[in-house]
mmCIF file of all heavy atoms, coordinates in Angstrom:
data_MODEL
# 
_entry.id   MODEL 
# 
loop_
_atom_site.group_PDB 
_atom_site.id 
_atom_site.type_symbol 
_atom_site.label_atom_id 
_atom_site.label_alt_id 
_atom_site.label_comp_id 
_atom_site.label_asym_id 
_atom_site.label_entity_id 
_atom_site.label_seq_id 
_atom_site.pdbx_PDB_ins_code 
_atom_site.Cartn_x 
_atom_site.Cartn_y 
_atom_site.Cartn_z 
_atom_site.occupancy 
_atom_site.B_iso_or_equiv 
_atom_site.pdbx_formal_charge 
_atom_site.auth_seq_id 
_atom_site.auth_comp_id 
_atom_site.auth_asym_id 
_atom_site.auth_atom_id 
_atom_site.pdbx_PDB_model_num 
ATOM 1   N N   . CYS A 1 1  ? 92.517  122.427 140.565 1.00 0.00 ? 1  CYS A N   1 
ATOM 2   C CA  . CYS A 1 1  ? 93.099  123.483 139.751 1.00 0.00 ? 1  CYS A CA  1 
ATOM 3   C C   . CYS A 1 1  ? 94.614  123.505 139.933 1.00 0.00 ? 1  CYS A C   1 
ATOM 4   O O   . CYS A 1 1  ? 95.099  123.522 141.067 1.00 0.00 ? 1  CYS A O   1 
ATOM 5   C CB  . CYS A 1 1  ? 92.493  124.814 140.171 1.00 0.00 ? 1  CYS A CB  1 
ATOM 6   S SG  . CYS A 1 1  ? 93.146  126.219 139.296 1.00 0.00 ? 1  CYS A SG  1 
ATOM 7   N N   . THR A 1 2  ? 95.349  123.478 138.831 1.00 0.00 ? 2  THR A N   1 
ATOM 8   C CA  . THR A 1 2  ? 96.798  123.655 138.892 1.00 0.00 ? 2  THR A CA  1 
ATOM 9   C C   . THR A 1 2  ? 97.163  124.885 138.071 1.00 0.00 ? 2  THR A C   1 
ATOM 10  O O   . THR A 1 2  ? 96.435  125.273 137.146 1.00 0.00 ? 2  THR A O   1 
ATOM 11  C CB  . THR A 1 2  ? 97.577  122.421 138.380 1.00 0.00 ? 2  THR A CB  1 
ATOM 12  O OG1 . THR A 1 2  ? 97.160  122.123 137.058 1.00 0.00 ? 2  THR A OG1 1 
ATOM 13  C CG2 . THR A 1 2  ? 97.374  121.213 139.263 1.00 0.00 ? 2  THR A CG2 1 
ATOM 14  N N   . VAL A 1 3  ? 98.290  125.478 138.415 1.00 0.00 ? 3  VAL A N   1 
ATOM 15  C CA  . VAL A 1 3  ? 98.733  126.708 137.761 1.00 0.00 ? 3  VAL A CA  1 
ATOM 16  C C   . VAL A 1 3  ? 100.223 126.625 137.434 1.00 0.00 ? 3  VAL A C   1 
ATOM 17  O O   . VAL A 1 3  ? 100.903 125.690 137.828 1.00 0.00 ? 3  VAL A O   1 
ATOM 18  C CB  . VAL A 1 3  ? 98.452  127.939 138.656 1.00 0.00 ? 3  VAL A CB  1 
ATOM 19  C CG1 . VAL A 1 3  ? 96.961  128.140 138.873 1.00 0.00 ? 3  VAL A CG1 1 
ATOM 20  C CG2 . VAL A 1 3  ? 99.171  127.830 139.990 1.00 0.00 ? 3  VAL A CG2 1 
ATOM 21  N N   . GLN A 1 4  ? 100.683 127.634 136.761 1.00 0.00 ? 4  GLN A N   1 
ATOM 22  C CA  . GLN A 1 4  ? 102.083 127.837 136.427 1.00 0.00 ? 4  GLN A CA  1 
ATOM 23  C C   . GLN A 1 4  ? 102.671 126.617 135.724 1.00 0.00 ? 4  GLN A C   1 
ATOM 24  O O   . GLN A 1 4  ? 102.037 126.023 134.867 1.00 0.00 ? 4  GLN A O   1 
ATOM 25  C CB  . GLN A 1 4  ? 102.879 128.234 137.675 1.00 0.00 ? 4  GLN A CB  1 
ATOM 26  C CG  . GLN A 1 4  ? 102.446 129.570 138.240 1.00 0.00 ? 4  GLN A CG  1 
ATOM 27  C CD  . GLN A 1 4  ? 103.142 129.867 139.539 1.00 0.00 ? 4  GLN A CD  1 
ATOM 28  O OE1 . GLN A 1 4  ? 103.002 129.107 140.498 1.00 0.00 ? 4  GLN A OE1 1 
ATOM 29  N NE2 . GLN A 1 4  ? 103.862 130.968 139.605 1.00 0.00 ? 4  GLN A NE2 1 
ATOM 30  N N   . SER A 1 5  ? 103.901 126.271 136.056 1.00 0.00 ? 5  SER A N   1 
ATOM 31  C CA  . SER A 1 5  ? 104.606 125.200 135.354 1.00 0.00 ? 5  SER A CA  1 
ATOM 32  C C   . SER A 1 5  ? 103.930 123.842 135.543 1.00 0.00 ? 5  SER A C   1 
ATOM 33  O O   . SER A 1 5  ? 103.937 123.012 134.630 1.00 0.00 ? 5  SER A O   1 
ATOM 34  C CB  . SER A 1 5  ? 106.070 125.135 135.780 1.00 0.00 ? 5  SER A CB  1 
ATOM 35  O OG  . SER A 1 5  ? 106.192 124.804 137.145 1.00 0.00 ? 5  SER A OG  1 
ATOM 36  N N   . ASP A 1 6  ? 103.328 123.606 136.696 1.00 0.00 ? 6  ASP A N   1 
ATOM 37  C CA  . ASP A 1 6  ? 102.623 122.336 136.906 1.00 0.00 ? 6  ASP A CA  1 
ATOM 38  C C   . ASP A 1 6  ? 101.461 122.188 135.918 1.00 0.00 ? 6  ASP A C   1 
ATOM 39  O O   . ASP A 1 6  ? 101.240 121.105 135.362 1.00 0.00 ? 6  ASP A O   1 
ATOM 40  C CB  . ASP A 1 6  ? 102.085 122.219 138.338 1.00 0.00 ? 6  ASP A CB  1 
ATOM 41  C CG  . ASP A 1 6  ? 103.150 121.820 139.342 1.00 0.00 ? 6  ASP A CG  1 
ATOM 42  O OD1 . ASP A 1 6  ? 104.209 121.290 138.929 1.00 0.00 ? 6  ASP A OD1 1 
ATOM 43  O OD2 . ASP A 1 6  ? 102.920 122.030 140.545 1.00 0.00 ? 6  ASP A OD2 1 
ATOM 44  N N   . ALA A 1 7  ? 100.730 123.268 135.689 1.00 0.00 ? 7  ALA A N   1 
ATOM 45  C CA  . ALA A 1 7  ? 99.614  123.228 134.742 1.00 0.00 ? 7  ALA A CA  1 
ATOM 46  C C   . ALA A 1 7  ? 100.132 122.919 133.339 1.00 0.00 ? 7  ALA A C   1 
ATOM 47  O O   . ALA A 1 7  ? 99.586  122.063 132.638 1.00 0.00 ? 7  ALA A O   1 
ATOM 48  C CB  . ALA A 1 7  ? 98.866  124.553 134.757 1.00 0.00 ? 7  ALA A CB  1 
ATOM 49  N N   . PHE A 1 8  ? 101.191 123.601 132.942 1.00 0.00 ? 8  PHE A N   1 
ATOM 50  C CA  . PHE A 1 8  ? 101.770 123.377 131.618 1.00 0.00 ? 8  PHE A CA  1 
ATOM 51  C C   . PHE A 1 8  ? 102.196 121.917 131.452 1.00 0.00 ? 8  PHE A C   1 
ATOM 52  O O   . PHE A 1 8  ? 101.832 121.264 130.471 1.00 0.00 ? 8  PHE A O   1 
ATOM 53  C CB  . PHE A 1 8  ? 102.963 124.313 131.405 1.00 0.00 ? 8  PHE A CB  1 
ATOM 54  C CG  . PHE A 1 8  ? 103.701 124.051 130.131 1.00 0.00 ? 8  PHE A CG  1 
ATOM 55  C CD1 . PHE A 1 8  ? 103.200 124.502 128.925 1.00 0.00 ? 8  PHE A CD1 1 
ATOM 56  C CD2 . PHE A 1 8  ? 104.888 123.333 130.136 1.00 0.00 ? 8  PHE A CD2 1 
ATOM 57  C CE1 . PHE A 1 8  ? 103.873 124.238 127.732 1.00 0.00 ? 8  PHE A CE1 1 
ATOM 58  C CE2 . PHE A 1 8  ? 105.565 123.068 128.959 1.00 0.00 ? 8  PHE A CE2 1 
ATOM 59  C CZ  . PHE A 1 8  ? 105.058 123.519 127.752 1.00 0.00 ? 8  PHE A CZ  1 
ATOM 60  N N   . ILE A 1 9  ? 102.934 121.399 132.418 1.00 0.00 ? 9  ILE A N   1 
ATOM 61  C CA  . ILE A 1 9  ? 103.418 120.019 132.342 1.00 0.00 ? 9  ILE A CA  1 
ATOM 62  C C   . ILE A 1 9  ? 102.255 119.033 132.368 1.00 0.00 ? 9  ILE A C   1 
ATOM 63  O O   . ILE A 1 9  ? 102.215 118.079 131.577 1.00 0.00 ? 9  ILE A O   1 
ATOM 64  C CB  . ILE A 1 9  ? 104.433 119.728 133.470 1.00 0.00 ? 9  ILE A CB  1 
ATOM 65  C CG1 . ILE A 1 9  ? 105.693 120.577 133.278 1.00 0.00 ? 9  ILE A CG1 1 
ATOM 66  C CG2 . ILE A 1 9  ? 104.793 118.242 133.512 1.00 0.00 ? 9  ILE A CG2 1 
ATOM 67  C CD1 . ILE A 1 9  ? 106.632 120.579 134.487 1.00 0.00 ? 9  ILE A CD1 1 
ATOM 68  N N   . ASP A 1 10 ? 101.285 119.255 133.263 1.00 0.00 ? 10 ASP A N   1 
ATOM 69  C CA  . ASP A 1 10 ? 100.124 118.356 133.361 1.00 0.00 ? 10 ASP A CA  1 
ATOM 70  C C   . ASP A 1 10 ? 99.377  118.241 132.035 1.00 0.00 ? 10 ASP A C   1 
ATOM 71  O O   . ASP A 1 10 ? 98.889  117.170 131.688 1.00 0.00 ? 10 ASP A O   1 
ATOM 72  C CB  . ASP A 1 10 ? 99.155  118.825 134.444 1.00 0.00 ? 10 ASP A CB  1 
ATOM 73  C CG  . ASP A 1 10 ? 99.675  118.599 135.857 1.00 0.00 ? 10 ASP A CG  1 
ATOM 74  O OD1 . ASP A 1 10 ? 100.690 117.900 136.023 1.00 0.00 ? 10 ASP A OD1 1 
ATOM 75  O OD2 . ASP A 1 10 ? 99.058  119.145 136.790 1.00 0.00 ? 10 ASP A OD2 1 
ATOM 76  N N   . VAL A 1 11 ? 99.299  119.337 131.300 1.00 0.00 ? 11 VAL A N   1 
ATOM 77  C CA  . VAL A 1 11 ? 98.606  119.328 130.014 1.00 0.00 ? 11 VAL A CA  1 
ATOM 78  C C   . VAL A 1 11 ? 99.458  118.645 128.947 1.00 0.00 ? 11 VAL A C   1 
ATOM 79  O O   . VAL A 1 11 ? 99.011  117.722 128.268 1.00 0.00 ? 11 VAL A O   1 
ATOM 80  C CB  . VAL A 1 11 ? 98.236  120.768 129.574 1.00 0.00 ? 11 VAL A CB  1 
ATOM 81  C CG1 . VAL A 1 11 ? 97.797  120.801 128.134 1.00 0.00 ? 11 VAL A CG1 1 
ATOM 82  C CG2 . VAL A 1 11 ? 97.166  121.343 130.484 1.00 0.00 ? 11 VAL A CG2 1 
ATOM 83  N N   . VAL A 1 12 ? 100.678 119.092 128.794 1.00 0.00 ? 12 VAL A N   1 
ATOM 84  C CA  . VAL A 1 12 ? 101.521 118.630 127.692 1.00 0.00 ? 12 VAL A CA  1 
ATOM 85  C C   . VAL A 1 12 ? 101.771 117.119 127.739 1.00 0.00 ? 12 VAL A C   1 
ATOM 86  O O   . VAL A 1 12 ? 101.744 116.452 126.707 1.00 0.00 ? 12 VAL A O   1 
ATOM 87  C CB  . VAL A 1 12 ? 102.853 119.419 127.655 1.00 0.00 ? 12 VAL A CB  1 
ATOM 88  C CG1 . VAL A 1 12 ? 103.819 118.825 126.658 1.00 0.00 ? 12 VAL A CG1 1 
ATOM 89  C CG2 . VAL A 1 12 ? 102.581 120.868 127.309 1.00 0.00 ? 12 VAL A CG2 1 
ATOM 90  N N   . ILE A 1 13 ? 101.966 116.572 128.924 1.00 0.00 ? 13 ILE A N   1 
ATOM 91  C CA  . ILE A 1 13 ? 102.277 115.136 129.000 1.00 0.00 ? 13 ILE A CA  1 
ATOM 92  C C   . ILE A 1 13 ? 101.099 114.259 128.582 1.00 0.00 ? 13 ILE A C   1 
ATOM 93  O O   . ILE A 1 13 ? 101.275 113.092 128.266 1.00 0.00 ? 13 ILE A O   1 
ATOM 94  C CB  . ILE A 1 13 ? 102.799 114.716 130.399 1.00 0.00 ? 13 ILE A CB  1 
ATOM 95  C CG1 . ILE A 1 13 ? 101.743 114.921 131.474 1.00 0.00 ? 13 ILE A CG1 1 
ATOM 96  C CG2 . ILE A 1 13 ? 104.092 115.426 130.715 1.00 0.00 ? 13 ILE A CG2 1 
ATOM 97  C CD1 . ILE A 1 13 ? 102.140 114.392 132.853 1.00 0.00 ? 13 ILE A CD1 1 
ATOM 98  N N   . GLN A 1 14 ? 99.907  114.828 128.525 1.00 0.00 ? 14 GLN A N   1 
ATOM 99  C CA  . GLN A 1 14 ? 98.738  114.063 128.090 1.00 0.00 ? 14 GLN A CA  1 
ATOM 100 C C   . GLN A 1 14 ? 98.573  114.039 126.569 1.00 0.00 ? 14 GLN A C   1 
ATOM 101 O O   . GLN A 1 14 ? 97.685  113.367 126.048 1.00 0.00 ? 14 GLN A O   1 
ATOM 102 C CB  . GLN A 1 14 ? 97.472  114.626 128.738 1.00 0.00 ? 14 GLN A CB  1 
ATOM 103 C CG  . GLN A 1 14 ? 97.453  114.439 130.243 1.00 0.00 ? 14 GLN A CG  1 
ATOM 104 C CD  . GLN A 1 14 ? 96.176  114.954 130.849 1.00 0.00 ? 14 GLN A CD  1 
ATOM 105 O OE1 . GLN A 1 14 ? 95.089  114.450 130.540 1.00 0.00 ? 14 GLN A OE1 1 
ATOM 106 N NE2 . GLN A 1 14 ? 96.283  115.957 131.705 1.00 0.00 ? 14 GLN A NE2 1 
ATOM 107 N N   . LEU A 1 15 ? 99.442  114.747 125.858 1.00 0.00 ? 15 LEU A N   1 
ATOM 108 C CA  . LEU A 1 15 ? 99.341  114.806 124.406 1.00 0.00 ? 15 LEU A CA  1 
ATOM 109 C C   . LEU A 1 15 ? 100.024 113.636 123.712 1.00 0.00 ? 15 LEU A C   1 
ATOM 110 O O   . LEU A 1 15 ? 99.970  113.529 122.496 1.00 0.00 ? 15 LEU A O   1 
ATOM 111 C CB  . LEU A 1 15 ? 99.927  116.127 123.884 1.00 0.00 ? 15 LEU A CB  1 
ATOM 112 C CG  . LEU A 1 15 ? 99.193  117.391 124.324 1.00 0.00 ? 15 LEU A CG  1 
ATOM 113 C CD1 . LEU A 1 15 ? 99.920  118.621 123.817 1.00 0.00 ? 15 LEU A CD1 1 
ATOM 114 C CD2 . LEU A 1 15 ? 97.745  117.376 123.864 1.00 0.00 ? 15 LEU A CD2 1 
ATOM 115 N N   . GLY A 1 16 ? 100.646 112.771 124.494 1.00 0.00 ? 16 GLY A N   1 
ATOM 116 C CA  . GLY A 1 16 ? 101.306 111.613 123.902 1.00 0.00 ? 16 GLY A CA  1 
ATOM 117 C C   . GLY A 1 16 ? 102.728 111.931 123.460 1.00 0.00 ? 16 GLY A C   1 
ATOM 118 O O   . GLY A 1 16 ? 103.293 112.967 123.793 1.00 0.00 ? 16 GLY A O   1 
ATOM 119 N N   . TRP A 1 17 ? 103.293 110.998 122.698 1.00 0.00 ? 17 TRP A N   1 
ATOM 120 C CA  . TRP A 1 17 ? 104.678 111.131 122.245 1.00 0.00 ? 17 TRP A CA  1 
ATOM 121 C C   . TRP A 1 17 ? 104.761 112.203 121.179 1.00 0.00 ? 17 TRP A C   1 
ATOM 122 O O   . TRP A 1 17 ? 103.861 112.293 120.361 1.00 0.00 ? 17 TRP A O   1 
ATOM 123 C CB  . TRP A 1 17 ? 105.153 109.775 121.696 1.00 0.00 ? 17 TRP A CB  1 
ATOM 124 C CG  . TRP A 1 17 ? 106.564 109.792 121.293 1.00 0.00 ? 17 TRP A CG  1 
ATOM 125 C CD1 . TRP A 1 17 ? 107.044 109.898 120.024 1.00 0.00 ? 17 TRP A CD1 1 
ATOM 126 C CD2 . TRP A 1 17 ? 107.699 109.726 122.146 1.00 0.00 ? 17 TRP A CD2 1 
ATOM 127 N NE1 . TRP A 1 17 ? 108.394 109.905 120.042 1.00 0.00 ? 17 TRP A NE1 1 
ATOM 128 C CE2 . TRP A 1 17 ? 108.829 109.800 121.335 1.00 0.00 ? 17 TRP A CE2 1 
ATOM 129 C CE3 . TRP A 1 17 ? 107.868 109.631 123.520 1.00 0.00 ? 17 TRP A CE3 1 
ATOM 130 C CZ2 . TRP A 1 17 ? 110.116 109.776 121.845 1.00 0.00 ? 17 TRP A CZ2 1 
ATOM 131 C CZ3 . TRP A 1 17 ? 109.148 109.603 124.026 1.00 0.00 ? 17 TRP A CZ3 1 
ATOM 132 C CH2 . TRP A 1 17 ? 110.249 109.670 123.196 1.00 0.00 ? 17 TRP A CH2 1 
ATOM 133 N N   . PRO A 1 18 ? 105.766 113.062 121.136 1.00 0.00 ? 18 PRO A N   1 
ATOM 134 C CA  . PRO A 1 18 ? 106.933 113.173 122.006 1.00 0.00 ? 18 PRO A CA  1 
ATOM 135 C C   . PRO A 1 18 ? 106.709 114.099 123.195 1.00 0.00 ? 18 PRO A C   1 
ATOM 136 O O   . PRO A 1 18 ? 107.577 114.291 124.028 1.00 0.00 ? 18 PRO A O   1 
ATOM 137 C CB  . PRO A 1 18 ? 107.999 113.756 121.076 1.00 0.00 ? 18 PRO A CB  1 
ATOM 138 C CG  . PRO A 1 18 ? 107.228 114.668 120.184 1.00 0.00 ? 18 PRO A CG  1 
ATOM 139 C CD  . PRO A 1 18 ? 105.903 113.962 119.960 1.00 0.00 ? 18 PRO A CD  1 
ATOM 140 N N   . TRP A 1 19 ? 105.511 114.674 123.270 1.00 0.00 ? 19 TRP A N   1 
ATOM 141 C CA  . TRP A 1 19 ? 105.222 115.679 124.305 1.00 0.00 ? 19 TRP A CA  1 
ATOM 142 C C   . TRP A 1 19 ? 105.279 115.100 125.711 1.00 0.00 ? 19 TRP A C   1 
ATOM 143 O O   . TRP A 1 19 ? 105.569 115.793 126.670 1.00 0.00 ? 19 TRP A O   1 
ATOM 144 C CB  . TRP A 1 19 ? 103.863 116.336 124.034 1.00 0.00 ? 19 TRP A CB  1 
ATOM 145 C CG  . TRP A 1 19 ? 103.788 116.778 122.610 1.00 0.00 ? 19 TRP A CG  1 
ATOM 146 C CD1 . TRP A 1 19 ? 102.985 116.241 121.635 1.00 0.00 ? 19 TRP A CD1 1 
ATOM 147 C CD2 . TRP A 1 19 ? 104.572 117.781 121.971 1.00 0.00 ? 19 TRP A CD2 1 
ATOM 148 N NE1 . TRP A 1 19 ? 103.232 116.865 120.443 1.00 0.00 ? 19 TRP A NE1 1 
ATOM 149 C CE2 . TRP A 1 19 ? 104.202 117.817 120.614 1.00 0.00 ? 19 TRP A CE2 1 
ATOM 150 C CE3 . TRP A 1 19 ? 105.566 118.650 122.414 1.00 0.00 ? 19 TRP A CE3 1 
ATOM 151 C CZ2 . TRP A 1 19 ? 104.762 118.684 119.702 1.00 0.00 ? 19 TRP A CZ2 1 
ATOM 152 C CZ3 . TRP A 1 19 ? 106.137 119.525 121.504 1.00 0.00 ? 19 TRP A CZ3 1 
ATOM 153 C CH2 . TRP A 1 19 ? 105.742 119.537 120.169 1.00 0.00 ? 19 TRP A CH2 1 
ATOM 154 N N   . ARG A 1 20 ? 105.032 113.806 125.835 1.00 0.00 ? 20 ARG A N   1 
ATOM 155 C CA  . ARG A 1 20 ? 105.080 113.146 127.141 1.00 0.00 ? 20 ARG A CA  1 
ATOM 156 C C   . ARG A 1 20 ? 106.452 113.314 127.804 1.00 0.00 ? 20 ARG A C   1 
ATOM 157 O O   . ARG A 1 20 ? 106.587 113.243 129.012 1.00 0.00 ? 20 ARG A O   1 
ATOM 158 C CB  . ARG A 1 20 ? 104.738 111.668 126.973 1.00 0.00 ? 20 ARG A CB  1 
ATOM 159 C CG  . ARG A 1 20 ? 104.623 110.893 128.247 1.00 0.00 ? 20 ARG A CG  1 
ATOM 160 C CD  . ARG A 1 20 ? 104.235 109.450 127.992 1.00 0.00 ? 20 ARG A CD  1 
ATOM 161 N NE  . ARG A 1 20 ? 103.092 109.348 127.091 1.00 0.00 ? 20 ARG A NE  1 
ATOM 162 C CZ  . ARG A 1 20 ? 101.841 109.164 127.501 1.00 0.00 ? 20 ARG A CZ  1 
ATOM 163 N NH1 . ARG A 1 20 ? 101.574 109.030 128.765 1.00 0.00 ? 20 ARG A NH1 1 
ATOM 164 N NH2 . ARG A 1 20 ? 100.858 109.080 126.632 1.00 0.00 ? 20 ARG A NH2 1 
ATOM 165 N N   . MET A 1 21 ? 107.469 113.539 126.981 1.00 0.00 ? 21 MET A N   1 
ATOM 166 C CA  . MET A 1 21 ? 108.827 113.719 127.513 1.00 0.00 ? 21 MET A CA  1 
ATOM 167 C C   . MET A 1 21 ? 108.953 114.969 128.390 1.00 0.00 ? 21 MET A C   1 
ATOM 168 O O   . MET A 1 21 ? 109.902 115.088 129.161 1.00 0.00 ? 21 MET A O   1 
ATOM 169 C CB  . MET A 1 21 ? 109.843 113.765 126.372 1.00 0.00 ? 21 MET A CB  1 
ATOM 170 C CG  . MET A 1 21 ? 109.996 112.420 125.686 1.00 0.00 ? 21 MET A CG  1 
ATOM 171 S SD  . MET A 1 21 ? 111.077 112.423 124.230 1.00 0.00 ? 21 MET A SD  1 
ATOM 172 C CE  . MET A 1 21 ? 112.421 113.448 124.725 1.00 0.00 ? 21 MET A CE  1 
ATOM 173 N N   . ALA A 1 22 ? 107.995 115.876 128.303 1.00 0.00 ? 22 ALA A N   1 
ATOM 174 C CA  . ALA A 1 22 ? 108.016 117.077 129.144 1.00 0.00 ? 22 ALA A CA  1 
ATOM 175 C C   . ALA A 1 22 ? 107.970 116.725 130.626 1.00 0.00 ? 22 ALA A C   1 
ATOM 176 O O   . ALA A 1 22 ? 108.312 117.542 131.479 1.00 0.00 ? 22 ALA A O   1 
ATOM 177 C CB  . ALA A 1 22 ? 106.862 118.007 128.783 1.00 0.00 ? 22 ALA A CB  1 
ATOM 178 N N   . LYS A 1 23 ? 107.584 115.492 130.923 1.00 0.00 ? 23 LYS A N   1 
ATOM 179 C CA  . LYS A 1 23 ? 107.540 115.026 132.317 1.00 0.00 ? 23 LYS A CA  1 
ATOM 180 C C   . LYS A 1 23 ? 108.907 115.182 132.993 1.00 0.00 ? 23 LYS A C   1 
ATOM 181 O O   . LYS A 1 23 ? 108.986 115.380 134.204 1.00 0.00 ? 23 LYS A O   1 
ATOM 182 C CB  . LYS A 1 23 ? 107.090 113.571 132.351 1.00 0.00 ? 23 LYS A CB  1 
ATOM 183 C CG  . LYS A 1 23 ? 106.658 113.079 133.684 1.00 0.00 ? 23 LYS A CG  1 
ATOM 184 C CD  . LYS A 1 23 ? 106.110 111.659 133.556 1.00 0.00 ? 23 LYS A CD  1 
ATOM 185 C CE  . LYS A 1 23 ? 104.901 111.552 134.437 1.00 0.00 ? 23 LYS A CE  1 
ATOM 186 N NZ  . LYS A 1 23 ? 104.165 110.316 134.273 1.00 0.00 ? 23 LYS A NZ  1 
ATOM 187 N N   . ILE A 1 24 ? 109.961 115.129 132.208 1.00 0.00 ? 24 ILE A N   1 
ATOM 188 C CA  . ILE A 1 24 ? 111.308 115.268 132.753 1.00 0.00 ? 24 ILE A CA  1 
ATOM 189 C C   . ILE A 1 24 ? 111.529 116.646 133.390 1.00 0.00 ? 24 ILE A C   1 
ATOM 190 O O   . ILE A 1 24 ? 112.391 116.801 134.256 1.00 0.00 ? 24 ILE A O   1 
ATOM 191 C CB  . ILE A 1 24 ? 112.382 114.973 131.675 1.00 0.00 ? 24 ILE A CB  1 
ATOM 192 C CG1 . ILE A 1 24 ? 113.715 114.672 132.347 1.00 0.00 ? 24 ILE A CG1 1 
ATOM 193 C CG2 . ILE A 1 24 ? 112.495 116.108 130.676 1.00 0.00 ? 24 ILE A CG2 1 
ATOM 194 C CD1 . ILE A 1 24 ? 114.724 114.018 131.446 1.00 0.00 ? 24 ILE A CD1 1 
ATOM 195 N N   . LEU A 1 25 ? 110.723 117.618 133.000 1.00 0.00 ? 25 LEU A N   1 
ATOM 196 C CA  . LEU A 1 25 ? 110.837 118.959 133.593 1.00 0.00 ? 25 LEU A CA  1 
ATOM 197 C C   . LEU A 1 25 ? 110.574 118.942 135.096 1.00 0.00 ? 25 LEU A C   1 
ATOM 198 O O   . LEU A 1 25 ? 111.002 119.834 135.819 1.00 0.00 ? 25 LEU A O   1 
ATOM 199 C CB  . LEU A 1 25 ? 109.884 119.929 132.902 1.00 0.00 ? 25 LEU A CB  1 
ATOM 200 C CG  . LEU A 1 25 ? 110.181 120.228 131.431 1.00 0.00 ? 25 LEU A CG  1 
ATOM 201 C CD1 . LEU A 1 25 ? 109.051 121.028 130.819 1.00 0.00 ? 25 LEU A CD1 1 
ATOM 202 C CD2 . LEU A 1 25 ? 111.513 120.951 131.303 1.00 0.00 ? 25 LEU A CD2 1 
ATOM 203 N N   . ARG A 1 26 ? 109.889 117.910 135.556 1.00 0.00 ? 26 ARG A N   1 
ATOM 204 C CA  . ARG A 1 26 ? 109.589 117.821 136.993 1.00 0.00 ? 26 ARG A CA  1 
ATOM 205 C C   . ARG A 1 26 ? 110.843 117.604 137.848 1.00 0.00 ? 26 ARG A C   1 
ATOM 206 O O   . ARG A 1 26 ? 110.779 117.775 139.055 1.00 0.00 ? 26 ARG A O   1 
ATOM 207 C CB  . ARG A 1 26 ? 108.570 116.716 137.262 1.00 0.00 ? 26 ARG A CB  1 
ATOM 208 C CG  . ARG A 1 26 ? 107.214 117.032 136.660 1.00 0.00 ? 26 ARG A CG  1 
ATOM 209 C CD  . ARG A 1 26 ? 106.119 116.409 137.483 1.00 0.00 ? 26 ARG A CD  1 
ATOM 210 N NE  . ARG A 1 26 ? 104.849 116.432 136.791 1.00 0.00 ? 26 ARG A NE  1 
ATOM 211 C CZ  . ARG A 1 26 ? 103.984 117.441 136.846 1.00 0.00 ? 26 ARG A CZ  1 
ATOM 212 N NH1 . ARG A 1 26 ? 104.251 118.504 137.546 1.00 0.00 ? 26 ARG A NH1 1 
ATOM 213 N NH2 . ARG A 1 26 ? 102.841 117.371 136.197 1.00 0.00 ? 26 ARG A NH2 1 
ATOM 214 N N   . ILE A 1 27 ? 111.965 117.218 137.237 1.00 0.00 ? 27 ILE A N   1 
ATOM 215 C CA  . ILE A 1 27 ? 113.193 117.078 138.025 1.00 0.00 ? 27 ILE A CA  1 
ATOM 216 C C   . ILE A 1 27 ? 113.748 118.447 138.421 1.00 0.00 ? 27 ILE A C   1 
ATOM 217 O O   . ILE A 1 27 ? 114.512 118.552 139.371 1.00 0.00 ? 27 ILE A O   1 
ATOM 218 C CB  . ILE A 1 27 ? 114.287 116.241 137.309 1.00 0.00 ? 27 ILE A CB  1 
ATOM 219 C CG1 . ILE A 1 27 ? 114.789 116.939 136.058 1.00 0.00 ? 27 ILE A CG1 1 
ATOM 220 C CG2 . ILE A 1 27 ? 113.790 114.844 137.035 1.00 0.00 ? 27 ILE A CG2 1 
ATOM 221 C CD1 . ILE A 1 27 ? 116.002 116.278 135.424 1.00 0.00 ? 27 ILE A CD1 1 
ATOM 222 N N   . ILE A 1 28 ? 113.317 119.478 137.699 1.00 0.00 ? 28 ILE A N   1 
ATOM 223 C CA  . ILE A 1 28 ? 113.707 120.845 138.065 1.00 0.00 ? 28 ILE A CA  1 
ATOM 224 C C   . ILE A 1 28 ? 112.846 121.253 139.258 1.00 0.00 ? 28 ILE A C   1 
ATOM 225 O O   . ILE A 1 28 ? 111.622 121.059 139.236 1.00 0.00 ? 28 ILE A O   1 
ATOM 226 C CB  . ILE A 1 28 ? 113.478 121.817 136.888 1.00 0.00 ? 28 ILE A CB  1 
ATOM 227 C CG1 . ILE A 1 28 ? 114.307 121.378 135.674 1.00 0.00 ? 28 ILE A CG1 1 
ATOM 228 C CG2 . ILE A 1 28 ? 113.806 123.250 137.296 1.00 0.00 ? 28 ILE A CG2 1 
ATOM 229 C CD1 . ILE A 1 28 ? 113.952 122.106 134.392 1.00 0.00 ? 28 ILE A CD1 1 
ATOM 230 N N   . PRO A 1 29 ? 113.467 121.792 140.298 1.00 0.00 ? 29 PRO A N   1 
ATOM 231 C CA  . PRO A 1 29 ? 112.656 122.198 141.460 1.00 0.00 ? 29 PRO A CA  1 
ATOM 232 C C   . PRO A 1 29 ? 111.510 123.137 141.050 1.00 0.00 ? 29 PRO A C   1 
ATOM 233 O O   . PRO A 1 29 ? 111.690 124.023 140.211 1.00 0.00 ? 29 PRO A O   1 
ATOM 234 C CB  . PRO A 1 29 ? 113.663 122.913 142.363 1.00 0.00 ? 29 PRO A CB  1 
ATOM 235 C CG  . PRO A 1 29 ? 114.988 122.353 141.964 1.00 0.00 ? 29 PRO A CG  1 
ATOM 236 C CD  . PRO A 1 29 ? 114.887 122.065 140.492 1.00 0.00 ? 29 PRO A CD  1 
# 
């Protein structure tokens, strides 16, 4: 189970292009 911003990012990056670019949000602490 993941929550908060990790959950959002984990979901969105699986939607393919261009949503995969959300992975860059992980550089934010």
